[in-house]
Amino acid sequence: MAVTTPTKADRKTLKLGEALAEIGVSRAAFYRMRARGQAPRHLKLPNGQIRIRRADLDAWFDSCEVQEAC
């Protein structure tokens, strides 16, 4: 079984403000989404700050895609 080491790009994290600017929602909206379990996966640091991995934000965007009816 091969073990892969995460690349630097895989470990890239965004500050909450950076991620919110990218997805276009307010901090309050993010916390409501988080309470409902609809926010992107995130990390809570020991100092209370929130970070979002780039890969998790991209995966969250992909999961929001809506399929159009044929």
N, C-alpha and C. Protein backbone atom coordinates (compact mmCIF):
# COMPACT_ATOMS: atom_id res chain seq x y z
N MET A 1 0.85 -1.17 0.00
CA MET A 1 0.00 0.00 0.00
C MET A 1 0.89 1.24 0.00
N ALA A 2 0.68 2.10 -0.93
CA ALA A 2 1.49 3.31 -1.06
C ALA A 2 0.95 4.40 -0.14
N VAL A 3 1.85 5.07 0.51
CA VAL A 3 1.48 6.20 1.37
C VAL A 3 1.86 7.47 0.64
N THR A 4 0.89 8.38 0.52
CA THR A 4 1.18 9.64 -0.16
C THR A 4 1.35 10.74 0.87
N THR A 5 2.29 11.59 0.61
CA THR A 5 2.53 12.74 1.47
C THR A 5 1.80 13.93 0.88
N PRO A 6 1.01 14.64 1.71
CA PRO A 6 0.31 15.80 1.17
C PRO A 6 1.29 16.84 0.63
N THR A 7 0.96 17.39 -0.51
CA THR A 7 1.81 18.43 -1.08
C THR A 7 1.52 19.75 -0.37
N LYS A 8 2.36 20.73 -0.61
CA LYS A 8 2.16 22.04 0.00
C LYS A 8 0.82 22.63 -0.43
N ALA A 9 0.42 22.40 -1.67
CA ALA A 9 -0.86 22.91 -2.16
C ALA A 9 -2.02 22.26 -1.42
N ASP A 10 -1.89 20.96 -1.06
CA ASP A 10 -2.94 20.27 -0.32
C ASP A 10 -3.11 20.85 1.08
N ARG A 11 -2.03 21.37 1.65
CA ARG A 11 -2.07 21.89 3.02
C ARG A 11 -2.41 23.38 3.07
N LYS A 12 -2.60 24.02 1.93
CA LYS A 12 -2.89 25.45 1.88
C LYS A 12 -4.20 25.72 2.61
N THR A 13 -4.14 26.65 3.56
CA THR A 13 -5.35 27.03 4.28
C THR A 13 -5.65 28.50 4.05
N LEU A 14 -6.91 28.83 4.13
CA LEU A 14 -7.37 30.20 3.99
C LEU A 14 -7.89 30.69 5.32
N LYS A 15 -7.65 31.95 5.63
CA LYS A 15 -8.28 32.55 6.79
C LYS A 15 -9.77 32.64 6.49
N LEU A 16 -10.57 32.69 7.54
CA LEU A 16 -12.02 32.72 7.35
C LEU A 16 -12.44 33.88 6.44
N GLY A 17 -11.88 35.06 6.68
CA GLY A 17 -12.24 36.22 5.86
C GLY A 17 -11.91 36.03 4.39
N GLU A 18 -10.79 35.37 4.10
CA GLU A 18 -10.40 35.10 2.71
C GLU A 18 -11.40 34.15 2.05
N ALA A 19 -11.77 33.11 2.78
CA ALA A 19 -12.72 32.13 2.23
C ALA A 19 -14.09 32.77 2.03
N LEU A 20 -14.52 33.59 2.99
CA LEU A 20 -15.83 34.23 2.88
C LEU A 20 -15.87 35.20 1.70
N ALA A 21 -14.79 35.91 1.47
CA ALA A 21 -14.73 36.82 0.32
C ALA A 21 -14.84 36.03 -0.98
N GLU A 22 -14.21 34.87 -1.00
CA GLU A 22 -14.24 34.05 -2.22
C GLU A 22 -15.63 33.48 -2.50
N ILE A 23 -16.33 33.04 -1.45
CA ILE A 23 -17.65 32.44 -1.67
C ILE A 23 -18.77 33.48 -1.61
N GLY A 24 -18.44 34.70 -1.18
CA GLY A 24 -19.41 35.79 -1.23
C GLY A 24 -20.50 35.73 -0.17
N VAL A 25 -20.17 35.28 1.03
CA VAL A 25 -21.15 35.29 2.11
C VAL A 25 -20.58 36.04 3.31
N SER A 26 -21.47 36.52 4.15
CA SER A 26 -21.05 37.25 5.34
C SER A 26 -20.60 36.27 6.42
N ARG A 27 -19.94 36.81 7.42
CA ARG A 27 -19.49 35.99 8.55
C ARG A 27 -20.71 35.39 9.27
N ALA A 28 -21.77 36.19 9.43
CA ALA A 28 -22.98 35.70 10.10
C ALA A 28 -23.61 34.56 9.31
N ALA A 29 -23.65 34.70 7.99
CA ALA A 29 -24.21 33.64 7.14
C ALA A 29 -23.37 32.37 7.26
N PHE A 30 -22.05 32.52 7.33
CA PHE A 30 -21.18 31.35 7.48
C PHE A 30 -21.50 30.62 8.79
N TYR A 31 -21.64 31.37 9.88
CA TYR A 31 -21.92 30.73 11.16
C TYR A 31 -23.29 30.06 11.17
N ARG A 32 -24.27 30.63 10.46
CA ARG A 32 -25.58 29.95 10.33
C ARG A 32 -25.43 28.66 9.54
N MET A 33 -24.68 28.72 8.43
CA MET A 33 -24.43 27.52 7.62
C MET A 33 -23.71 26.47 8.45
N ARG A 34 -22.76 26.91 9.25
CA ARG A 34 -21.99 25.99 10.10
C ARG A 34 -22.90 25.31 11.11
N ALA A 35 -23.82 26.06 11.71
CA ALA A 35 -24.75 25.50 12.70
C ALA A 35 -25.67 24.46 12.06
N ARG A 36 -26.00 24.64 10.78
CA ARG A 36 -26.87 23.69 10.07
C ARG A 36 -26.08 22.56 9.41
N GLY A 37 -24.75 22.59 9.53
CA GLY A 37 -23.92 21.56 8.92
C GLY A 37 -23.76 21.72 7.42
N GLN A 38 -23.93 22.95 6.91
CA GLN A 38 -23.87 23.21 5.48
C GLN A 38 -22.61 23.96 5.05
N ALA A 39 -21.76 24.29 5.98
CA ALA A 39 -20.54 25.05 5.68
C ALA A 39 -19.44 24.10 5.21
N PRO A 40 -18.44 24.64 4.53
CA PRO A 40 -17.29 23.81 4.15
C PRO A 40 -16.59 23.28 5.40
N ARG A 41 -15.92 22.13 5.25
CA ARG A 41 -15.13 21.61 6.37
C ARG A 41 -14.10 22.66 6.76
N HIS A 42 -13.85 22.76 8.04
CA HIS A 42 -12.93 23.79 8.51
C HIS A 42 -12.17 23.31 9.74
N LEU A 43 -11.12 24.04 10.06
CA LEU A 43 -10.29 23.76 11.22
C LEU A 43 -10.48 24.87 12.23
N LYS A 44 -10.56 24.51 13.50
CA LYS A 44 -10.60 25.52 14.55
C LYS A 44 -9.28 25.43 15.30
N LEU A 45 -8.51 26.49 15.24
CA LEU A 45 -7.19 26.53 15.86
C LEU A 45 -7.33 26.71 17.38
N PRO A 46 -6.29 26.37 18.13
CA PRO A 46 -6.34 26.53 19.59
C PRO A 46 -6.66 27.96 20.05
N ASN A 47 -6.33 28.95 19.22
CA ASN A 47 -6.63 30.34 19.59
C ASN A 47 -8.04 30.75 19.18
N GLY A 48 -8.83 29.81 18.65
CA GLY A 48 -10.22 30.07 18.29
C GLY A 48 -10.44 30.50 16.85
N GLN A 49 -9.37 30.79 16.13
CA GLN A 49 -9.51 31.20 14.73
C GLN A 49 -9.91 30.01 13.87
N ILE A 50 -10.59 30.30 12.78
CA ILE A 50 -11.04 29.26 11.85
C ILE A 50 -10.24 29.37 10.57
N ARG A 51 -9.83 28.23 10.06
CA ARG A 51 -9.13 28.13 8.77
C ARG A 51 -9.88 27.11 7.92
N ILE A 52 -9.84 27.31 6.62
CA ILE A 52 -10.47 26.38 5.68
C ILE A 52 -9.41 25.94 4.69
N ARG A 53 -9.25 24.64 4.56
CA ARG A 53 -8.29 24.11 3.59
C ARG A 53 -8.80 24.40 2.18
N ARG A 54 -7.88 24.76 1.29
CA ARG A 54 -8.23 25.03 -0.10
C ARG A 54 -8.97 23.84 -0.70
N ALA A 55 -8.47 22.63 -0.46
CA ALA A 55 -9.09 21.43 -1.02
C ALA A 55 -10.51 21.25 -0.50
N ASP A 56 -10.75 21.56 0.78
CA ASP A 56 -12.10 21.43 1.35
C ASP A 56 -13.04 22.47 0.76
N LEU A 57 -12.55 23.68 0.53
CA LEU A 57 -13.39 24.71 -0.08
C LEU A 57 -13.75 24.33 -1.51
N ASP A 58 -12.78 23.82 -2.26
CA ASP A 58 -13.05 23.38 -3.63
C ASP A 58 -14.05 22.23 -3.65
N ALA A 59 -13.91 21.28 -2.72
CA ALA A 59 -14.85 20.15 -2.65
C ALA A 59 -16.25 20.64 -2.29
N TRP A 60 -16.33 21.62 -1.40
CA TRP A 60 -17.63 22.18 -1.02
C TRP A 60 -18.29 22.86 -2.22
N PHE A 61 -17.50 23.63 -3.00
CA PHE A 61 -18.02 24.25 -4.21
C PHE A 61 -18.57 23.18 -5.16
N ASP A 62 -17.82 22.11 -5.36
CA ASP A 62 -18.26 21.03 -6.25
C ASP A 62 -19.55 20.40 -5.76
N SER A 63 -19.72 20.27 -4.45
CA SER A 63 -20.94 19.65 -3.91
C SER A 63 -22.15 20.56 -4.06
N CYS A 64 -21.94 21.85 -4.27
CA CYS A 64 -23.04 22.80 -4.42
C CYS A 64 -23.56 22.86 -5.86
N GLU A 65 -22.88 22.20 -6.77
CA GLU A 65 -23.27 22.24 -8.17
C GLU A 65 -24.64 21.60 -8.36
N VAL A 66 -25.49 22.26 -9.12
CA VAL A 66 -26.85 21.78 -9.37
C VAL A 66 -26.91 21.18 -10.77
N GLN A 67 -27.45 19.98 -10.87
CA GLN A 67 -27.63 19.34 -12.17
C GLN A 67 -28.93 19.85 -12.79
N GLU A 68 -28.87 20.26 -14.05
CA GLU A 68 -30.08 20.72 -14.74
C GLU A 68 -30.81 19.53 -15.32
N ALA A 69 -32.14 19.63 -15.34
CA ALA A 69 -32.96 18.56 -15.90
C ALA A 69 -32.84 18.55 -17.42
N CYS A 70 -32.87 17.38 -18.00
CA CYS A 70 -32.78 17.25 -19.46
C CYS A 70 -34.10 17.52 -20.11
